[in-house]
Every structure is written in C-alpha cells, then in structure tokens.
Amino acid sequence: MALVADIDQLSTVISHATAPAFMLGAVAAFLSILISRLERIVDKNRALKSADAAGVDPSGVIAASFSRRMALLSRAIYFAVLSALATAALLIGAFVAALSGVGHARFIALMFAVSLALLMASLVELTREIRIYMANMHLE
C-alpha cells in the first residue's frame, strides 16, 4: 500500500507549496528586521534613561515615543510570527492532504489568505511605528 495515492498529486502539492515556502523565508527575514529595529529602540531608550538625570528630555516626549514605538514593533513581531505559523500550517496541511488523498485547494487558499492578512497587519504596525519615528526624528 503506497503512502501517496498518486505521484502526480504529490507533485502538484510540491509545486503549490513553492510560494508559501518562499513566503515563509520572506517572513523570517522580515522578523529579523523587526527585531533589529526593536533592539535599537530599546538601546536608545536605555541610553535616554541613563542620560535623563542630566535633563536631556524634560518633557518626556522622546521616552513616550520610544515606548509607543516598542509597543507597535512588538505587535508587528507578533503578527509576523502568526503569519509564519499560518504559513507553516498551510504547508503541513497541504502535504497531509496529499498523503491522505484529500483535495486541498480550498484549504491552501484560505490559509494563504490568512497568512497574507497577518503579514499585512504586521506591515501596518511597522508603518505606524515609522510614522512616529518620522514625526519625532528631529528630537532624537
């Protein structure tokens, strides 16, 4: 008894899995960028707090900006990780469907749409963080 009913079906699943696999790699690279941005803001915030005793930011505008940016980037990271998980679930589901001989087109389409929506939410949060950075750039 063969594990896969039809080698053509497996071949089709592998070809359909190419785009989600590339997306998974892109999301991983995007996560690296988001984490790097967050680390830079955390470092700047620490430096600001150590220099705060000297009265560098008496109004606290920069500190509030850093706090808001860290929250937005944290949410962006969260959505990007969820996107990666949904993409991985899509890939697993596609191969499980192929192994069991079940049609998988609707499942792939739905999961891919969910993955893209989560990636879009992450990009929106990054955009919001960049807007705050641009608005307060002259203060840093």
N, C-alpha and C. Protein backbone atom coordinates (compact mmCIF):
# COMPACT_ATOMS: atom_id res chain seq x y z
N MET A 1 0.83 -1.18 0.00
CA MET A 1 0.00 0.00 0.00
C MET A 1 0.89 1.25 0.00
N ALA A 2 0.71 2.09 -0.97
CA ALA A 2 1.50 3.30 -1.10
C ALA A 2 0.98 4.38 -0.17
N LEU A 3 1.91 5.19 0.33
CA LEU A 3 1.51 6.31 1.19
C LEU A 3 0.76 7.38 0.41
N VAL A 4 1.21 7.63 -0.80
CA VAL A 4 0.58 8.64 -1.64
C VAL A 4 -0.16 7.93 -2.76
N ALA A 5 -1.44 8.24 -2.90
CA ALA A 5 -2.27 7.56 -3.88
C ALA A 5 -1.79 7.85 -5.30
N ASP A 6 -1.35 9.05 -5.54
CA ASP A 6 -0.99 9.45 -6.90
C ASP A 6 0.23 10.36 -6.83
N ILE A 7 1.31 9.98 -7.53
CA ILE A 7 2.53 10.79 -7.52
C ILE A 7 2.28 12.15 -8.17
N ASP A 8 1.33 12.19 -9.10
CA ASP A 8 1.00 13.48 -9.71
C ASP A 8 0.39 14.44 -8.70
N GLN A 9 -0.40 13.90 -7.77
CA GLN A 9 -0.99 14.74 -6.73
C GLN A 9 0.10 15.30 -5.82
N LEU A 10 1.08 14.46 -5.47
CA LEU A 10 2.19 14.92 -4.64
C LEU A 10 3.00 15.97 -5.38
N SER A 11 3.23 15.75 -6.66
CA SER A 11 3.96 16.73 -7.47
C SER A 11 3.22 18.06 -7.49
N THR A 12 1.90 17.99 -7.60
CA THR A 12 1.08 19.20 -7.60
C THR A 12 1.19 19.93 -6.27
N VAL A 13 1.16 19.17 -5.16
CA VAL A 13 1.27 19.78 -3.83
C VAL A 13 2.63 20.45 -3.68
N ILE A 14 3.68 19.80 -4.14
CA ILE A 14 5.02 20.39 -4.04
C ILE A 14 5.09 21.68 -4.85
N SER A 15 4.52 21.69 -6.03
CA SER A 15 4.54 22.92 -6.83
C SER A 15 3.68 24.01 -6.18
N HIS A 16 2.59 23.63 -5.55
CA HIS A 16 1.75 24.61 -4.85
C HIS A 16 2.42 25.13 -3.58
N ALA A 17 3.32 24.33 -3.02
CA ALA A 17 3.98 24.72 -1.77
C ALA A 17 5.15 25.68 -2.00
N THR A 18 5.51 25.90 -3.24
CA THR A 18 6.66 26.76 -3.52
C THR A 18 6.44 28.19 -3.05
N ALA A 19 5.33 28.79 -3.40
CA ALA A 19 5.06 30.18 -2.99
C ALA A 19 4.99 30.32 -1.47
N PRO A 20 4.25 29.45 -0.77
CA PRO A 20 4.25 29.57 0.69
C PRO A 20 5.63 29.36 1.32
N ALA A 21 6.44 28.49 0.72
CA ALA A 21 7.78 28.27 1.26
C ALA A 21 8.63 29.54 1.11
N PHE A 22 8.53 30.20 -0.04
CA PHE A 22 9.24 31.47 -0.23
C PHE A 22 8.70 32.53 0.73
N MET A 23 7.40 32.53 0.93
CA MET A 23 6.80 33.49 1.85
C MET A 23 7.32 33.27 3.27
N LEU A 24 7.46 32.01 3.65
CA LEU A 24 7.98 31.69 4.97
C LEU A 24 9.40 32.26 5.15
N GLY A 25 10.21 32.13 4.12
CA GLY A 25 11.56 32.71 4.15
C GLY A 25 11.53 34.23 4.22
N ALA A 26 10.61 34.83 3.48
CA ALA A 26 10.49 36.30 3.50
C ALA A 26 10.02 36.79 4.86
N VAL A 27 9.09 36.08 5.46
CA VAL A 27 8.60 36.47 6.79
C VAL A 27 9.72 36.33 7.82
N ALA A 28 10.54 35.30 7.69
CA ALA A 28 11.67 35.13 8.61
C ALA A 28 12.65 36.31 8.48
N ALA A 29 12.93 36.73 7.25
CA ALA A 29 13.82 37.89 7.04
C ALA A 29 13.17 39.16 7.59
N PHE A 30 11.87 39.30 7.38
CA PHE A 30 11.14 40.46 7.89
C PHE A 30 11.19 40.49 9.42
N LEU A 31 11.03 39.33 10.04
CA LEU A 31 11.12 39.25 11.51
C LEU A 31 12.49 39.70 12.00
N SER A 32 13.52 39.34 11.28
CA SER A 32 14.87 39.76 11.64
C SER A 32 14.98 41.28 11.62
N ILE A 33 14.40 41.91 10.63
CA ILE A 33 14.41 43.38 10.54
C ILE A 33 13.63 43.99 11.70
N LEU A 34 12.46 43.45 12.00
CA LEU A 34 11.64 43.98 13.09
C LEU A 34 12.36 43.86 14.43
N ILE A 35 12.97 42.72 14.67
CA ILE A 35 13.68 42.50 15.94
C ILE A 35 14.87 43.44 16.04
N SER A 36 15.56 43.63 14.94
CA SER A 36 16.70 44.56 14.93
C SER A 36 16.25 45.98 15.25
N ARG A 37 15.14 46.42 14.66
CA ARG A 37 14.59 47.76 14.96
C ARG A 37 14.23 47.89 16.43
N LEU A 38 13.57 46.85 16.96
CA LEU A 38 13.16 46.87 18.36
C LEU A 38 14.39 46.95 19.27
N GLU A 39 15.42 46.19 18.97
CA GLU A 39 16.64 46.22 19.79
C GLU A 39 17.29 47.60 19.78
N ARG A 40 17.30 48.25 18.61
CA ARG A 40 17.87 49.61 18.53
C ARG A 40 17.09 50.59 19.40
N ILE A 41 15.77 50.48 19.37
CA ILE A 41 14.94 51.38 20.18
C ILE A 41 15.15 51.11 21.67
N VAL A 42 15.24 49.85 22.03
CA VAL A 42 15.49 49.50 23.44
C VAL A 42 16.83 50.08 23.89
N ASP A 43 17.86 49.96 23.05
CA ASP A 43 19.17 50.51 23.39
C ASP A 43 19.11 52.03 23.53
N LYS A 44 18.41 52.70 22.61
CA LYS A 44 18.27 54.16 22.70
C LYS A 44 17.49 54.56 23.94
N ASN A 45 16.48 53.78 24.28
CA ASN A 45 15.68 54.07 25.47
C ASN A 45 16.52 53.93 26.74
N ARG A 46 17.36 52.91 26.79
CA ARG A 46 18.26 52.75 27.95
C ARG A 46 19.23 53.92 28.05
N ALA A 47 19.78 54.32 26.92
CA ALA A 47 20.70 55.46 26.92
C ALA A 47 20.00 56.73 27.35
N LEU A 48 18.76 56.89 26.92
CA LEU A 48 17.97 58.07 27.31
C LEU A 48 17.72 58.07 28.82
N LYS A 49 17.40 56.91 29.36
CA LYS A 49 17.13 56.83 30.79
C LYS A 49 18.37 57.11 31.61
N SER A 50 19.53 56.69 31.13
CA SER A 50 20.76 56.97 31.88
C SER A 50 21.14 58.45 31.75
N ALA A 51 20.79 59.07 30.62
CA ALA A 51 21.08 60.49 30.43
C ALA A 51 19.97 61.38 30.95
N ASP A 52 18.84 60.76 31.34
CA ASP A 52 17.68 61.52 31.80
C ASP A 52 17.98 62.31 33.07
N ALA A 53 18.89 61.82 33.87
CA ALA A 53 19.26 62.53 35.09
C ALA A 53 19.87 63.89 34.78
N ALA A 54 20.45 64.00 33.58
CA ALA A 54 21.06 65.27 33.18
C ALA A 54 20.03 66.22 32.57
N GLY A 55 18.78 65.79 32.50
CA GLY A 55 17.72 66.66 31.99
C GLY A 55 17.68 66.75 30.48
N VAL A 56 18.03 65.67 29.79
CA VAL A 56 18.06 65.68 28.33
C VAL A 56 16.65 65.83 27.74
N ASP A 57 15.66 65.12 28.31
CA ASP A 57 14.30 65.15 27.77
C ASP A 57 13.34 65.51 28.91
N PRO A 58 13.29 66.78 29.27
CA PRO A 58 12.46 67.15 30.41
C PRO A 58 10.97 66.89 30.22
N SER A 59 10.49 66.97 28.99
CA SER A 59 9.05 66.78 28.76
C SER A 59 8.68 65.31 28.63
N GLY A 60 9.63 64.45 28.38
CA GLY A 60 9.37 63.02 28.24
C GLY A 60 8.81 62.63 26.88
N VAL A 61 8.88 63.54 25.91
CA VAL A 61 8.33 63.26 24.58
C VAL A 61 9.09 62.11 23.91
N ILE A 62 10.40 62.14 24.01
CA ILE A 62 11.19 61.08 23.37
C ILE A 62 10.93 59.74 24.05
N ALA A 63 10.88 59.74 25.37
CA ALA A 63 10.60 58.50 26.10
C ALA A 63 9.23 57.93 25.74
N ALA A 64 8.24 58.79 25.61
CA ALA A 64 6.91 58.33 25.22
C ALA A 64 6.92 57.79 23.80
N SER A 65 7.68 58.45 22.94
CA SER A 65 7.81 58.00 21.55
C SER A 65 8.44 56.61 21.51
N PHE A 66 9.52 56.42 22.28
CA PHE A 66 10.17 55.11 22.32
C PHE A 66 9.22 54.04 22.84
N SER A 67 8.48 54.38 23.86
CA SER A 67 7.55 53.42 24.44
C SER A 67 6.49 53.00 23.42
N ARG A 68 5.94 53.97 22.73
CA ARG A 68 4.90 53.67 21.71
C ARG A 68 5.49 52.87 20.56
N ARG A 69 6.69 53.24 20.13
CA ARG A 69 7.33 52.52 19.03
C ARG A 69 7.63 51.07 19.42
N MET A 70 8.06 50.85 20.66
CA MET A 70 8.33 49.49 21.12
C MET A 70 7.05 48.66 21.14
N ALA A 71 5.95 49.27 21.56
CA ALA A 71 4.67 48.54 21.58
C ALA A 71 4.23 48.19 20.16
N LEU A 72 4.37 49.12 19.23
CA LEU A 72 3.98 48.85 17.84
C LEU A 72 4.85 47.77 17.21
N LEU A 73 6.15 47.84 17.46
CA LEU A 73 7.03 46.82 16.90
C LEU A 73 6.78 45.46 17.54
N SER A 74 6.43 45.44 18.81
CA SER A 74 6.10 44.17 19.46
C SER A 74 4.88 43.54 18.81
N ARG A 75 3.89 44.37 18.50
CA ARG A 75 2.70 43.86 17.82
C ARG A 75 3.03 43.41 16.39
N ALA A 76 3.90 44.15 15.73
CA ALA A 76 4.31 43.77 14.38
C ALA A 76 5.01 42.41 14.40
N ILE A 77 5.85 42.20 15.39
CA ILE A 77 6.54 40.91 15.54
C ILE A 77 5.52 39.81 15.81
N TYR A 78 4.57 40.08 16.66
CA TYR A 78 3.53 39.11 16.98
C TYR A 78 2.76 38.68 15.73
N PHE A 79 2.32 39.67 14.93
CA PHE A 79 1.58 39.36 13.71
C PHE A 79 2.45 38.61 12.69
N ALA A 80 3.73 38.98 12.60
CA ALA A 80 4.62 38.31 11.67
C ALA A 80 4.84 36.85 12.08
N VAL A 81 4.97 36.61 13.38
CA VAL A 81 5.12 35.23 13.86
C VAL A 81 3.85 34.43 13.58
N LEU A 82 2.69 35.04 13.81
CA LEU A 82 1.43 34.36 13.48
C LEU A 82 1.33 34.06 11.99
N SER A 83 1.81 34.97 11.16
CA SER A 83 1.83 34.75 9.72
C SER A 83 2.72 33.56 9.37
N ALA A 84 3.87 33.50 9.99
CA ALA A 84 4.79 32.36 9.75
C ALA A 84 4.16 31.05 10.21
N LEU A 85 3.49 31.08 11.35
CA LEU A 85 2.82 29.87 11.84
C LEU A 85 1.70 29.43 10.91
N ALA A 86 0.92 30.39 10.43
CA ALA A 86 -0.16 30.06 9.50
C ALA A 86 0.40 29.50 8.19
N THR A 87 1.52 30.06 7.74
CA THR A 87 2.15 29.56 6.52
C THR A 87 2.69 28.14 6.73
N ALA A 88 3.30 27.91 7.88
CA ALA A 88 3.79 26.56 8.18
C ALA A 88 2.63 25.57 8.28
N ALA A 89 1.53 25.99 8.89
CA ALA A 89 0.34 25.13 8.97
C ALA A 89 -0.20 24.84 7.58
N LEU A 90 -0.15 25.84 6.70
CA LEU A 90 -0.57 25.66 5.32
C LEU A 90 0.26 24.58 4.65
N LEU A 91 1.57 24.66 4.81
CA LEU A 91 2.46 23.67 4.19
C LEU A 91 2.22 22.27 4.75
N ILE A 92 2.08 22.17 6.05
CA ILE A 92 1.82 20.87 6.67
C ILE A 92 0.49 20.32 6.20
N GLY A 93 -0.54 21.16 6.21
CA GLY A 93 -1.87 20.74 5.79
C GLY A 93 -1.90 20.28 4.34
N ALA A 94 -1.15 20.96 3.48
CA ALA A 94 -1.12 20.58 2.07
C ALA A 94 -0.52 19.18 1.90
N PHE A 95 0.55 18.91 2.62
CA PHE A 95 1.17 17.59 2.49
C PHE A 95 0.35 16.50 3.16
N VAL A 96 -0.28 16.81 4.28
CA VAL A 96 -1.17 15.84 4.92
C VAL A 96 -2.35 15.53 3.99
N ALA A 97 -2.89 16.55 3.36
CA ALA A 97 -3.99 16.34 2.43
C ALA A 97 -3.54 15.48 1.25
N ALA A 98 -2.33 15.70 0.76
CA ALA A 98 -1.83 14.89 -0.35
C ALA A 98 -1.62 13.45 0.08
N LEU A 99 -1.09 13.26 1.29
CA LEU A 99 -0.87 11.90 1.79
C LEU A 99 -2.18 11.15 1.98
N SER A 100 -3.20 11.85 2.38
CA SER A 100 -4.49 11.20 2.62
C SER A 100 -5.37 11.17 1.37
N GLY A 101 -4.92 11.83 0.31
CA GLY A 101 -5.67 11.82 -0.93
C GLY A 101 -6.88 12.73 -0.94
N VAL A 102 -6.89 13.71 -0.05
CA VAL A 102 -8.00 14.65 0.06
C VAL A 102 -7.66 15.90 -0.75
N GLY A 103 -8.66 16.51 -1.36
CA GLY A 103 -8.45 17.76 -2.07
C GLY A 103 -8.03 18.86 -1.10
N HIS A 104 -7.12 19.70 -1.51
CA HIS A 104 -6.57 20.69 -0.59
C HIS A 104 -6.61 22.12 -1.12
N ALA A 105 -7.21 22.35 -2.25
CA ALA A 105 -7.17 23.68 -2.87
C ALA A 105 -7.83 24.75 -1.99
N ARG A 106 -8.99 24.47 -1.44
CA ARG A 106 -9.67 25.47 -0.60
C ARG A 106 -8.89 25.73 0.68
N PHE A 107 -8.35 24.67 1.27
CA PHE A 107 -7.56 24.83 2.49
C PHE A 107 -6.35 25.71 2.23
N ILE A 108 -5.64 25.45 1.13
CA ILE A 108 -4.45 26.25 0.81
C ILE A 108 -4.84 27.71 0.57
N ALA A 109 -5.89 27.91 -0.19
CA ALA A 109 -6.32 29.28 -0.49
C ALA A 109 -6.69 30.03 0.80
N LEU A 110 -7.42 29.38 1.68
CA LEU A 110 -7.82 30.02 2.93
C LEU A 110 -6.62 30.33 3.82
N MET A 111 -5.75 29.35 3.99
CA MET A 111 -4.59 29.55 4.86
C MET A 111 -3.63 30.59 4.28
N PHE A 112 -3.50 30.61 2.96
CA PHE A 112 -2.63 31.60 2.34
C PHE A 112 -3.20 33.00 2.54
N ALA A 113 -4.51 33.13 2.42
CA ALA A 113 -5.15 34.42 2.66
C ALA A 113 -4.97 34.86 4.11
N VAL A 114 -5.10 33.93 5.05
CA VAL A 114 -4.89 34.25 6.47
C VAL A 114 -3.44 34.68 6.69
N SER A 115 -2.49 33.95 6.10
CA SER A 115 -1.07 34.29 6.25
C SER A 115 -0.78 35.69 5.72
N LEU A 116 -1.33 35.98 4.56
CA LEU A 116 -1.11 37.31 3.97
C LEU A 116 -1.77 38.41 4.78
N ALA A 117 -2.95 38.14 5.32
CA ALA A 117 -3.63 39.14 6.16
C ALA A 117 -2.82 39.43 7.42
N LEU A 118 -2.26 38.39 8.01
CA LEU A 118 -1.43 38.60 9.21
C LEU A 118 -0.15 39.35 8.86
N LEU A 119 0.45 39.03 7.72
CA LEU A 119 1.63 39.77 7.28
C LEU A 119 1.28 41.23 7.03
N MET A 120 0.11 41.45 6.45
CA MET A 120 -0.34 42.82 6.21
C MET A 120 -0.54 43.57 7.52
N ALA A 121 -1.10 42.92 8.52
CA ALA A 121 -1.27 43.54 9.84
C ALA A 121 0.09 43.91 10.43
N SER A 122 1.06 43.05 10.24
CA SER A 122 2.41 43.33 10.72
C SER A 122 3.00 44.55 10.00
N LEU A 123 2.80 44.61 8.70
CA LEU A 123 3.30 45.75 7.93
C LEU A 123 2.60 47.06 8.34
N VAL A 124 1.33 46.98 8.66
CA VAL A 124 0.61 48.17 9.12
C VAL A 124 1.21 48.66 10.44
N GLU A 125 1.49 47.76 11.35
CA GLU A 125 2.10 48.15 12.63
C GLU A 125 3.49 48.76 12.40
N LEU A 126 4.26 48.19 11.48
CA LEU A 126 5.56 48.76 11.15
C LEU A 126 5.40 50.16 10.58
N THR A 127 4.42 50.34 9.72
CA THR A 127 4.16 51.66 9.14
C THR A 127 3.81 52.68 10.22
N ARG A 128 3.00 52.26 11.18
CA ARG A 128 2.64 53.16 12.28
C ARG A 128 3.88 53.53 13.10
N GLU A 129 4.75 52.56 13.32
CA GLU A 129 5.99 52.83 14.07
C GLU A 129 6.88 53.80 13.30
N ILE A 130 6.98 53.62 12.00
CA ILE A 130 7.80 54.50 11.17
C ILE A 130 7.25 55.92 11.17
N ARG A 131 5.94 56.06 11.17
CA ARG A 131 5.33 57.40 11.22
C ARG A 131 5.70 58.12 12.51
N ILE A 132 5.68 57.39 13.63
CA ILE A 132 6.08 58.00 14.91
C ILE A 132 7.55 58.39 14.86
N TYR A 133 8.37 57.51 14.31
CA TYR A 133 9.80 57.82 14.18
C TYR A 133 10.00 59.09 13.35
N MET A 134 9.31 59.16 12.21
CA MET A 134 9.47 60.32 11.33
C MET A 134 8.98 61.60 12.01
N ALA A 135 7.91 61.50 12.78
CA ALA A 135 7.37 62.68 13.45
C ALA A 135 8.31 63.20 14.54
N ASN A 136 9.03 62.27 15.18
CA ASN A 136 9.90 62.66 16.29
C ASN A 136 11.38 62.58 15.95
N MET A 137 11.69 62.41 14.70
CA MET A 137 13.07 62.24 14.26
C MET A 137 13.95 63.42 14.67
N HIS A 138 13.42 64.61 14.60
CA HIS A 138 14.21 65.80 14.93
C HIS A 138 14.51 65.88 16.44
N LEU A 139 13.79 65.12 17.26
CA LEU A 139 14.02 65.16 18.71
C LEU A 139 15.15 64.25 19.16
N GLU A 140 15.43 63.22 18.37
CA GLU A 140 16.44 62.24 18.79
C GLU A 140 17.84 62.72 18.55
